PDB file of N, CA and C in Angstrom:
ATOM      1  N   MET A   1      14.221 -30.114  27.385  1.00  0.00           N
ATOM      2  CA  MET A   1      13.215 -29.397  26.634  1.00  0.00           C
ATOM      3  C   MET A   1      12.943 -30.147  25.331  1.00  0.00           C
ATOM      4  N   SER A   2      11.690 -30.400  25.029  1.00  0.00           N
ATOM      5  CA  SER A   2      11.357 -31.085  23.792  1.00  0.00           C
ATOM      6  C   SER A   2      11.442 -30.109  22.627  1.00  0.00           C
ATOM      7  N   LYS A   3      11.625 -30.683  21.451  1.00  0.00           N
ATOM      8  CA  LYS A   3      11.745 -29.871  20.240  1.00  0.00           C
ATOM      9  C   LYS A   3      10.390 -29.242  19.917  1.00  0.00           C
ATOM     10  N   PRO A   4      10.370 -27.927  19.634  1.00  0.00           N
ATOM     11  CA  PRO A   4       9.089 -27.281  19.307  1.00  0.00           C
ATOM     12  C   PRO A   4       8.569 -27.752  17.951  1.00  0.00           C
ATOM     13  N   LEU A   5       7.281 -27.668  17.796  1.00  0.00           N
ATOM     14  CA  LEU A   5       6.670 -28.025  16.522  1.00  0.00           C
ATOM     15  C   LEU A   5       7.020 -26.972  15.477  1.00  0.00           C
ATOM     16  N   ASP A   6       7.447 -27.409  14.300  1.00  0.00           N
ATOM     17  CA  ASP A   6       7.635 -26.475  13.205  1.00  0.00           C
ATOM     18  C   ASP A   6       6.356 -26.490  12.361  1.00  0.00           C
ATOM     19  N   ARG A   7       6.352 -25.792  11.260  1.00  0.00           N
ATOM     20  CA  ARG A   7       5.127 -25.708  10.448  1.00  0.00           C
ATOM     21  C   ARG A   7       4.662 -27.070   9.957  1.00  0.00           C
ATOM     22  N   GLU A   8       5.611 -27.913   9.550  1.00  0.00           N
ATOM     23  CA  GLU A   8       5.235 -29.234   9.045  1.00  0.00           C
ATOM     24  C   GLU A   8       4.671 -30.128  10.142  1.00  0.00           C
ATOM     25  N   THR A   9       5.348 -30.196  11.273  1.00  0.00           N
ATOM     26  CA  THR A   9       4.857 -31.069  12.339  1.00  0.00           C
ATOM     27  C   THR A   9       3.581 -30.511  12.947  1.00  0.00           C
ATOM     28  N   LEU A  10       3.454 -29.213  13.024  1.00  0.00           N
ATOM     29  CA  LEU A  10       2.203 -28.628  13.512  1.00  0.00           C
ATOM     30  C   LEU A  10       1.050 -29.004  12.585  1.00  0.00           C
ATOM     31  N   ALA A  11       1.281 -28.992  11.292  1.00  0.00           N
ATOM     32  CA  ALA A  11       0.240 -29.356  10.325  1.00  0.00           C
ATOM     33  C   ALA A  11      -0.210 -30.800  10.504  1.00  0.00           C
ATOM     34  N   ARG A  12       0.718 -31.678  10.864  1.00  0.00           N
ATOM     35  CA  ARG A  12       0.343 -33.082  11.105  1.00  0.00           C
ATOM     36  C   ARG A  12      -0.412 -33.243  12.410  1.00  0.00           C
ATOM     37  N   VAL A  13       0.025 -32.537  13.451  1.00  0.00           N
ATOM     38  CA  VAL A  13      -0.566 -32.693  14.779  1.00  0.00           C
ATOM     39  C   VAL A  13      -1.889 -31.946  14.898  1.00  0.00           C
ATOM     40  N   ALA A  14      -1.936 -30.731  14.394  1.00  0.00           N
ATOM     41  CA  ALA A  14      -3.119 -29.875  14.526  1.00  0.00           C
ATOM     42  C   ALA A  14      -3.327 -29.102  13.225  1.00  0.00           C
ATOM     43  N   PRO A  15      -3.890 -29.752  12.224  1.00  0.00           N
ATOM     44  CA  PRO A  15      -4.009 -29.124  10.900  1.00  0.00           C
ATOM     45  C   PRO A  15      -4.743 -27.777  10.906  1.00  0.00           C
ATOM     46  N   LYS A  16      -5.803 -27.660  11.671  1.00  0.00           N
ATOM     47  CA  LYS A  16      -6.552 -26.410  11.685  1.00  0.00           C
ATOM     48  C   LYS A  16      -5.737 -25.288  12.313  1.00  0.00           C
ATOM     49  N   LEU A  17      -5.026 -25.574  13.400  1.00  0.00           N
ATOM     50  CA  LEU A  17      -4.177 -24.562  14.023  1.00  0.00           C
ATOM     51  C   LEU A  17      -3.071 -24.133  13.062  1.00  0.00           C
ATOM     52  N   ALA A  18      -2.502 -25.072  12.337  1.00  0.00           N
ATOM     53  CA  ALA A  18      -1.467 -24.751  11.349  1.00  0.00           C
ATOM     54  C   ALA A  18      -2.040 -23.856  10.254  1.00  0.00           C
ATOM     55  N   GLU A  19      -3.232 -24.187   9.792  1.00  0.00           N
ATOM     56  CA  GLU A  19      -3.890 -23.378   8.759  1.00  0.00           C
ATOM     57  C   GLU A  19      -4.161 -21.961   9.257  1.00  0.00           C
ATOM     58  N   LEU A  20      -4.708 -21.839  10.467  1.00  0.00           N
ATOM     59  CA  LEU A  20      -4.982 -20.519  11.034  1.00  0.00           C
ATOM     60  C   LEU A  20      -3.699 -19.722  11.254  1.00  0.00           C
ATOM     61  N   SER A  21      -2.658 -20.398  11.729  1.00  0.00           N
ATOM     62  CA  SER A  21      -1.382 -19.722  11.932  1.00  0.00           C
ATOM     63  C   SER A  21      -0.854 -19.153  10.621  1.00  0.00           C
ATOM     64  N   GLN A  22      -0.894 -19.963   9.581  1.00  0.00           N
ATOM     65  CA  GLN A  22      -0.385 -19.509   8.289  1.00  0.00           C
ATOM     66  C   GLN A  22      -1.237 -18.379   7.716  1.00  0.00           C
ATOM     67  N   GLU A  23      -2.547 -18.600   7.663  1.00  0.00           N
ATOM     68  CA  GLU A  23      -3.434 -17.627   7.022  1.00  0.00           C
ATOM     69  C   GLU A  23      -3.582 -16.336   7.826  1.00  0.00           C
ATOM     70  N   LEU A  24      -3.894 -16.454   9.089  1.00  0.00           N
ATOM     71  CA  LEU A  24      -4.181 -15.270   9.897  1.00  0.00           C
ATOM     72  C   LEU A  24      -2.908 -14.591  10.393  1.00  0.00           C
ATOM     73  N   LEU A  25      -2.002 -15.374  10.956  1.00  0.00           N
ATOM     74  CA  LEU A  25      -0.816 -14.774  11.555  1.00  0.00           C
ATOM     75  C   LEU A  25       0.216 -14.377  10.504  1.00  0.00           C
ATOM     76  N   PHE A  26       0.704 -15.336   9.720  1.00  0.00           N
ATOM     77  CA  PHE A  26       1.810 -15.044   8.812  1.00  0.00           C
ATOM     78  C   PHE A  26       1.384 -14.370   7.513  1.00  0.00           C
ATOM     79  N   ASN A  27       0.217 -14.704   6.976  1.00  0.00           N
ATOM     80  CA  ASN A  27      -0.221 -14.081   5.720  1.00  0.00           C
ATOM     81  C   ASN A  27      -1.003 -12.789   5.930  1.00  0.00           C
ATOM     82  N   ASP A  28      -1.412 -12.491   7.159  1.00  0.00           N
ATOM     83  CA  ASP A  28      -2.158 -11.263   7.434  1.00  0.00           C
ATOM     84  C   ASP A  28      -1.387 -10.376   8.417  1.00  0.00           C
ATOM     85  N   ILE A  29      -1.327 -10.767   9.669  1.00  0.00           N
ATOM     86  CA  ILE A  29      -0.724  -9.916  10.705  1.00  0.00           C
ATOM     87  C   ILE A  29       0.722  -9.551  10.368  1.00  0.00           C
ATOM     88  N   TRP A  30       1.530 -10.534   9.986  1.00  0.00           N
ATOM     89  CA  TRP A  30       2.937 -10.260   9.688  1.00  0.00           C
ATOM     90  C   TRP A  30       3.110  -9.422   8.430  1.00  0.00           C
ATOM     91  N   GLN A  31       2.081  -9.305   7.595  1.00  0.00           N
ATOM     92  CA  GLN A  31       2.191  -8.564   6.336  1.00  0.00           C
ATOM     93  C   GLN A  31       1.610  -7.150   6.406  1.00  0.00           C
ATOM     94  N   ARG A  32       1.048  -6.788   7.532  1.00  0.00           N
ATOM     95  CA  ARG A  32       0.434  -5.469   7.661  1.00  0.00           C
ATOM     96  C   ARG A  32       1.469  -4.353   7.546  1.00  0.00           C
ATOM     97  N   GLU A  33       1.006  -3.222   7.049  1.00  0.00           N
ATOM     98  CA  GLU A  33       1.868  -2.048   6.984  1.00  0.00           C
ATOM     99  C   GLU A  33       2.014  -1.465   8.384  1.00  0.00           C
ATOM    100  N   GLY A  34       3.001  -0.656   8.570  1.00  0.00           N
ATOM    101  CA  GLY A  34       3.184   0.000   9.851  1.00  0.00           C
ATOM    102  C   GLY A  34       4.400  -0.491  10.603  1.00  0.00           C
ATOM    103  N   LEU A  35       4.705  -1.777  10.489  1.00  0.00           N
ATOM    104  CA  LEU A  35       5.916  -2.350  11.068  1.00  0.00           C
ATOM    105  C   LEU A  35       6.552  -3.257  10.025  1.00  0.00           C
ATOM    106  N   SER A  36       7.856  -3.243   9.977  1.00  0.00           N
ATOM    107  CA  SER A  36       8.559  -4.149   9.071  1.00  0.00           C
ATOM    108  C   SER A  36       8.603  -5.550   9.686  1.00  0.00           C
ATOM    109  N   SER A  37       8.920  -6.534   8.881  1.00  0.00           N
ATOM    110  CA  SER A  37       9.090  -7.900   9.398  1.00  0.00           C
ATOM    111  C   SER A  37      10.224  -7.941  10.411  1.00  0.00           C
ATOM    112  N   ARG A  38      11.244  -7.146  10.182  1.00  0.00           N
ATOM    113  CA  ARG A  38      12.377  -7.058  11.113  1.00  0.00           C
ATOM    114  C   ARG A  38      11.901  -6.558  12.472  1.00  0.00           C
ATOM    115  N   GLU A  39      11.100  -5.501  12.471  1.00  0.00           N
ATOM    116  CA  GLU A  39      10.559  -4.956  13.726  1.00  0.00           C
ATOM    117  C   GLU A  39       9.619  -5.954  14.401  1.00  0.00           C
ATOM    118  N   ARG A  40       8.802  -6.613  13.613  1.00  0.00           N
ATOM    119  CA  ARG A  40       7.885  -7.612  14.173  1.00  0.00           C
ATOM    120  C   ARG A  40       8.661  -8.760  14.818  1.00  0.00           C
ATOM    121  N   SER A  41       9.771  -9.172  14.204  1.00  0.00           N
ATOM    122  CA  SER A  41      10.594 -10.226  14.789  1.00  0.00           C
ATOM    123  C   SER A  41      11.186  -9.780  16.117  1.00  0.00           C
ATOM    124  N   LEU A  42      11.650  -8.556  16.181  1.00  0.00           N
ATOM    125  CA  LEU A  42      12.221  -8.039  17.429  1.00  0.00           C
ATOM    126  C   LEU A  42      11.165  -8.006  18.531  1.00  0.00           C
ATOM    127  N   ILE A  43       9.971  -7.552  18.194  1.00  0.00           N
ATOM    128  CA  ILE A  43       8.866  -7.525  19.158  1.00  0.00           C
ATOM    129  C   ILE A  43       8.509  -8.945  19.601  1.00  0.00           C
ATOM    130  N   THR A  44       8.445  -9.864  18.658  1.00  0.00           N
ATOM    131  CA  THR A  44       8.091 -11.247  18.968  1.00  0.00           C
ATOM    132  C   THR A  44       9.120 -11.879  19.895  1.00  0.00           C
ATOM    133  N   LEU A  45      10.403 -11.677  19.607  1.00  0.00           N
ATOM    134  CA  LEU A  45      11.442 -12.214  20.489  1.00  0.00           C
ATOM    135  C   LEU A  45      11.332 -11.619  21.884  1.00  0.00           C
ATOM    136  N   GLY A  46      11.022 -10.335  21.972  1.00  0.00           N
ATOM    137  CA  GLY A  46      10.840  -9.700  23.277  1.00  0.00           C
ATOM    138  C   GLY A  46       9.670 -10.290  24.044  1.00  0.00           C
ATOM    139  N   ALA A  47       8.556 -10.480  23.353  1.00  0.00           N
ATOM    140  CA  ALA A  47       7.364 -11.033  24.007  1.00  0.00           C
ATOM    141  C   ALA A  47       7.600 -12.476  24.453  1.00  0.00           C
ATOM    142  N   LEU A  48       8.187 -13.283  23.575  1.00  0.00           N
ATOM    143  CA  LEU A  48       8.450 -14.680  23.929  1.00  0.00           C
ATOM    144  C   LEU A  48       9.402 -14.778  25.113  1.00  0.00           C
ATOM    145  N   THR A  49      10.409 -13.906  25.128  1.00  0.00           N
ATOM    146  CA  THR A  49      11.355 -13.889  26.238  1.00  0.00           C
ATOM    147  C   THR A  49      10.658 -13.493  27.530  1.00  0.00           C
ATOM    148  N   ALA A  50       9.904 -12.407  27.490  1.00  0.00           N
ATOM    149  CA  ALA A  50       9.230 -11.903  28.688  1.00  0.00           C
ATOM    150  C   ALA A  50       8.224 -12.911  29.235  1.00  0.00           C
ATOM    151  N   LEU A  51       7.586 -13.646  28.346  1.00  0.00           N
ATOM    152  CA  LEU A  51       6.574 -14.623  28.767  1.00  0.00           C
ATOM    153  C   LEU A  51       7.167 -15.994  29.082  1.00  0.00           C
ATOM    154  N   GLY A  52       8.465 -16.146  28.859  1.00  0.00           N
ATOM    155  CA  GLY A  52       9.111 -17.429  29.149  1.00  0.00           C
ATOM    156  C   GLY A  52       8.746 -18.536  28.178  1.00  0.00           C
ATOM    157  N   ARG A  53       8.416 -18.186  26.964  1.00  0.00           N
ATOM    158  CA  ARG A  53       8.046 -19.175  25.942  1.00  0.00           C
ATOM    159  C   ARG A  53       9.292 -19.655  25.199  1.00  0.00           C
ATOM    160  N   VAL A  54      10.194 -20.258  25.958  1.00  0.00           N
ATOM    161  CA  VAL A  54      11.520 -20.610  25.473  1.00  0.00           C
ATOM    162  C   VAL A  54      11.475 -21.575  24.287  1.00  0.00           C
ATOM    163  N   GLN A  55      10.518 -22.488  24.261  1.00  0.00           N
ATOM    164  CA  GLN A  55      10.469 -23.459  23.163  1.00  0.00           C
ATOM    165  C   GLN A  55      10.226 -22.791  21.820  1.00  0.00           C
ATOM    166  N   GLN A  56       9.582 -21.641  21.801  1.00  0.00           N
ATOM    167  CA  GLN A  56       9.304 -20.949  20.546  1.00  0.00           C
ATOM    168  C   GLN A  56      10.462 -20.060  20.088  1.00  0.00           C
ATOM    169  N   ILE A  57      11.379 -19.749  20.990  1.00  0.00           N
ATOM    170  CA  ILE A  57      12.437 -18.778  20.680  1.00  0.00           C
ATOM    171  C   ILE A  57      13.390 -19.245  19.576  1.00  0.00           C
ATOM    172  N   PRO A  58      13.893 -20.492  19.559  1.00  0.00           N
ATOM    173  CA  PRO A  58      14.832 -20.867  18.492  1.00  0.00           C
ATOM    174  C   PRO A  58      14.265 -20.660  17.087  1.00  0.00           C
ATOM    175  N   TRP A  59      13.026 -21.051  16.866  1.00  0.00           N
ATOM    176  CA  TRP A  59      12.414 -20.868  15.544  1.00  0.00           C
ATOM    177  C   TRP A  59      12.344 -19.381  15.206  1.00  0.00           C
ATOM    178  N   HIS A  60      11.968 -18.571  16.190  1.00  0.00           N
ATOM    179  CA  HIS A  60      11.830 -17.135  15.929  1.00  0.00           C
ATOM    180  C   HIS A  60      13.187 -16.437  15.814  1.00  0.00           C
ATOM    181  N   ILE A  61      14.235 -16.988  16.421  1.00  0.00           N
ATOM    182  CA  ILE A  61      15.577 -16.453  16.190  1.00  0.00           C
ATOM    183  C   ILE A  61      15.944 -16.640  14.719  1.00  0.00           C
ATOM    184  N   HIS A  62      15.726 -17.838  14.221  1.00  0.00           N
ATOM    185  CA  HIS A  62      16.020 -18.123  12.809  1.00  0.00           C
ATOM    186  C   HIS A  62      15.185 -17.219  11.896  1.00  0.00           C
ATOM    187  N   PHE A  63      13.914 -17.083  12.200  1.00  0.00           N
ATOM    188  CA  PHE A  63      13.017 -16.234  11.410  1.00  0.00           C
ATOM    189  C   PHE A  63      13.466 -14.774  11.481  1.00  0.00           C
ATOM    190  N   ALA A  64      13.898 -14.327  12.659  1.00  0.00           N
ATOM    191  CA  ALA A  64      14.376 -12.950  12.822  1.00  0.00           C
ATOM    192  C   ALA A  64      15.606 -12.704  11.964  1.00  0.00           C
ATOM    193  N   GLN A  65      16.487 -13.690  11.891  1.00  0.00           N
ATOM    194  CA  GLN A  65      17.675 -13.551  11.049  1.00  0.00           C
ATOM    195  C   GLN A  65      17.282 -13.491   9.572  1.00  0.00           C
ATOM    196  N   GLN A  66      16.276 -14.245   9.179  1.00  0.00           N
ATOM    197  CA  GLN A  66      15.770 -14.147   7.803  1.00  0.00           C
ATOM    198  C   GLN A  66      15.171 -12.766   7.549  1.00  0.00           C
ATOM    199  N   ASN A  67      14.639 -12.155   8.604  1.00  0.00           N
ATOM    200  CA  ASN A  67      14.020 -10.836   8.491  1.00  0.00           C
ATOM    201  C   ASN A  67      15.026  -9.694   8.681  1.00  0.00           C
ATOM    202  N   GLY A  68      16.318 -10.016   8.753  1.00  0.00           N
ATOM    203  CA  GLY A  68      17.345  -8.992   8.742  1.00  0.00           C
ATOM    204  C   GLY A  68      18.027  -8.679  10.057  1.00  0.00           C
ATOM    205  N   LEU A  69      17.614  -9.306  11.152  1.00  0.00           N
ATOM    206  CA  LEU A  69      18.301  -9.066  12.425  1.00  0.00           C
ATOM    207  C   LEU A  69      19.597  -9.870  12.452  1.00  0.00           C
ATOM    208  N   THR A  70      20.648  -9.250  12.951  1.00  0.00           N
ATOM    209  CA  THR A  70      21.918  -9.952  13.091  1.00  0.00           C
ATOM    210  C   THR A  70      21.979 -10.637  14.453  1.00  0.00           C
ATOM    211  N   LYS A  71      22.905 -11.568  14.593  1.00  0.00           N
ATOM    212  CA  LYS A  71      23.096 -12.238  15.881  1.00  0.00           C
ATOM    213  C   LYS A  71      23.457 -11.208  16.945  1.00  0.00           C
ATOM    214  N   THR A  72      24.281 -10.232  16.589  1.00  0.00           N
ATOM    215  CA  THR A  72      24.676  -9.178  17.527  1.00  0.00           C
ATOM    216  C   THR A  72      23.461  -8.391  18.005  1.00  0.00           C
ATOM    217  N   GLU A  73      22.552  -8.068  17.101  1.00  0.00           N
ATOM    218  CA  GLU A  73      21.345  -7.328  17.477  1.00  0.00           C
ATOM    219  C   GLU A  73      20.437  -8.163  18.374  1.00  0.00           C
ATOM    220  N   ILE A  74      20.341  -9.447  18.096  1.00  0.00           N
ATOM    221  CA  ILE A  74      19.513 -10.330  18.917  1.00  0.00           C
ATOM    222  C   ILE A  74      20.097 -10.456  20.317  1.00  0.00           C
ATOM    223  N   VAL A  75      21.410 -10.611  20.409  1.00  0.00           N
ATOM    224  CA  VAL A  75      22.071 -10.665  21.719  1.00  0.00           C
ATOM    225  C   VAL A  75      21.815  -9.361  22.472  1.00  0.00           C
ATOM    226  N   GLU A  76      21.925  -8.243  21.790  1.00  0.00           N
ATOM    227  CA  GLU A  76      21.692  -6.947  22.426  1.00  0.00           C
ATOM    228  C   GLU A  76      20.242  -6.835  22.916  1.00  0.00           C
ATOM    229  N   ALA A  77      19.300  -7.329  22.129  1.00  0.00           N
ATOM    230  CA  ALA A  77      17.891  -7.300  22.549  1.00  0.00           C
ATOM    231  C   ALA A  77      17.688  -8.129  23.809  1.00  0.00           C
ATOM    232  N   PHE A  78      18.262  -9.329  23.849  1.00  0.00           N
ATOM    233  CA  PHE A  78      18.126 -10.177  25.031  1.00  0.00           C
ATOM    234  C   PHE A  78      18.813  -9.547  26.249  1.00  0.00           C
ATOM    235  N   THR A  79      19.953  -8.908  26.027  1.00  0.00           N
ATOM    236  CA  THR A  79      20.637  -8.214  27.119  1.00  0.00           C
ATOM    237  C   THR A  79      19.772  -7.083  27.656  1.00  0.00           C
ATOM    238  N   HIS A  80      19.168  -6.326  26.772  1.00  0.00           N
ATOM    239  CA  HIS A  80      18.273  -5.231  27.163  1.00  0.00           C
ATOM    240  C   HIS A  80      17.076  -5.779  27.944  1.00  0.00           C
ATOM    241  N   LEU A  81      16.547  -6.916  27.488  1.00  0.00           N
ATOM    242  CA  LEU A  81      15.388  -7.522  28.137  1.00  0.00           C
ATOM    243  C   LEU A  81      15.684  -8.025  29.544  1.00  0.00           C
ATOM    244  N   ALA A  82      16.943  -8.265  29.860  1.00  0.00           N
ATOM    245  CA  ALA A  82      17.283  -8.728  31.212  1.00  0.00           C
ATOM    246  C   ALA A  82      16.758  -7.763  32.262  1.00  0.00           C
ATOM    247  N   PHE A  83      16.736  -6.494  31.946  1.00  0.00           N
ATOM    248  CA  PHE A  83      16.320  -5.479  32.911  1.00  0.00           C
ATOM    249  C   PHE A  83      14.808  -5.238  32.908  1.00  0.00           C
ATOM    250  N   TYR A  84      14.123  -5.692  31.889  1.00  0.00           N
ATOM    251  CA  TYR A  84      12.678  -5.479  31.796  1.00  0.00           C
ATOM    252  C   TYR A  84      11.879  -6.769  31.957  1.00  0.00           C
ATOM    253  N   ALA A  85      12.437  -7.890  31.497  1.00  0.00           N
ATOM    254  CA  ALA A  85      11.736  -9.175  31.572  1.00  0.00           C
ATOM    255  C   ALA A  85      12.332 -10.089  32.637  1.00  0.00           C
ATOM    256  N   GLY A  86      13.489  -9.719  33.150  1.00  0.00           N
ATOM    257  CA  GLY A  86      14.150 -10.512  34.184  1.00  0.00           C
ATOM    258  C   GLY A  86      15.379 -11.216  33.669  1.00  0.00           C
ATOM    259  N   TRP A  87      16.352 -11.325  34.559  1.00  0.00           N
ATOM    260  CA  TRP A  87      17.622 -11.944  34.221  1.00  0.00           C
ATOM    261  C   TRP A  87      17.448 -13.382  33.748  1.00  0.00           C
ATOM    262  N   PRO A  88      16.701 -14.236  34.478  1.00  0.00           N
ATOM    263  CA  PRO A  88      16.546 -15.628  34.034  1.00  0.00           C
ATOM    264  C   PRO A  88      15.911 -15.739  32.647  1.00  0.00           C
ATOM    265  N   ALA A  89      14.949 -14.886  32.351  1.00  0.00           N
ATOM    266  CA  ALA A  89      14.302 -14.930  31.031  1.00  0.00           C
ATOM    267  C   ALA A  89      15.303 -14.606  29.933  1.00  0.00           C
ATOM    268  N   ALA A  90      16.122 -13.591  30.160  1.00  0.00           N
ATOM    269  CA  ALA A  90      17.111 -13.195  29.161  1.00  0.00           C
ATOM    270  C   ALA A  90      18.168 -14.274  28.965  1.00  0.00           C
ATOM    271  N   VAL A  91      18.639 -14.859  30.051  1.00  0.00           N
ATOM    272  CA  VAL A  91      19.654 -15.916  29.954  1.00  0.00           C
ATOM    273  C   VAL A  91      19.078 -17.133  29.237  1.00  0.00           C
ATOM    274  N   SER A  92      17.831 -17.485  29.532  1.00  0.00           N
ATOM    275  CA  SER A  92      17.187 -18.610  28.848  1.00  0.00           C
ATOM    276  C   SER A  92      17.080 -18.346  27.351  1.00  0.00           C
ATOM    277  N   ALA A  93      16.755 -17.120  26.986  1.00  0.00           N
ATOM    278  CA  ALA A  93      16.669 -16.754  25.570  1.00  0.00           C
ATOM    279  C   ALA A  93      18.042 -16.843  24.913  1.00  0.00           C
ATOM    280  N   LEU A  94      19.076 -16.378  25.618  1.00  0.00           N
ATOM    281  CA  LEU A  94      20.434 -16.462  25.076  1.00  0.00           C
ATOM    282  C   LEU A  94      20.882 -17.904  24.901  1.00  0.00           C
ATOM    283  N   GLU A  95      20.445 -18.802  25.771  1.00  0.00           N
ATOM    284  CA  GLU A  95      20.755 -20.224  25.614  1.00  0.00           C
ATOM    285  C   GLU A  95      20.178 -20.756  24.312  1.00  0.00           C
ATOM    286  N   CYS A  96      19.025 -20.269  23.929  1.00  0.00           N
ATOM    287  CA  CYS A  96      18.411 -20.685  22.653  1.00  0.00           C
ATOM    288  C   CYS A  96      19.258 -20.223  21.476  1.00  0.00           C
ATOM    289  N   LEU A  97      19.841 -19.050  21.588  1.00  0.00           N
ATOM    290  CA  LEU A  97      20.688 -18.510  20.527  1.00  0.00           C
ATOM    291  C   LEU A  97      21.937 -19.374  20.369  1.00  0.00           C
ATOM    292  N   GLU A  98      22.460 -19.859  21.452  1.00  0.00           N
ATOM    293  CA  GLU A  98      23.649 -20.688  21.399  1.00  0.00           C
ATOM    294  C   GLU A  98      23.392 -22.040  20.726  1.00  0.00           C
ATOM    295  N   GLU A  99      22.131 -22.476  20.672  1.00  0.00           N
ATOM    296  CA  GLU A  99      21.785 -23.738  20.030  1.00  0.00           C
ATOM    297  C   GLU A  99      21.867 -23.636  18.512  1.00  0.00           C
ATOM    298  N   GLU A 100      21.883 -22.435  18.004  1.00  0.00           N
ATOM    299  CA  GLU A 100      21.915 -22.200  16.554  1.00  0.00           C
ATOM    300  C   GLU A 100      23.176 -22.736  15.934  1.00  0.00           C
TER     301      GLU A 100
END
């Protein structure tokens, strides 16, 4: 698996996409009232796991921890997802956690 683009490398490769991601996603959507950043991280990890977007999971694990989720809570979320998103998806997500 190749290393996912972070904000800096995304800005070099696709400056407009990086700008839109920062302005629209992180400065708007992630800042809306109604859900905390912690809740948004949990939802994001669930969606990425269910969709098999494994390359994005390590970055979002780190971001989720910055947003207050513990490693234990993340493991529990992935375990719970095994029954809703599939066993392989959950195990793949847990492999990303082990890379931390």
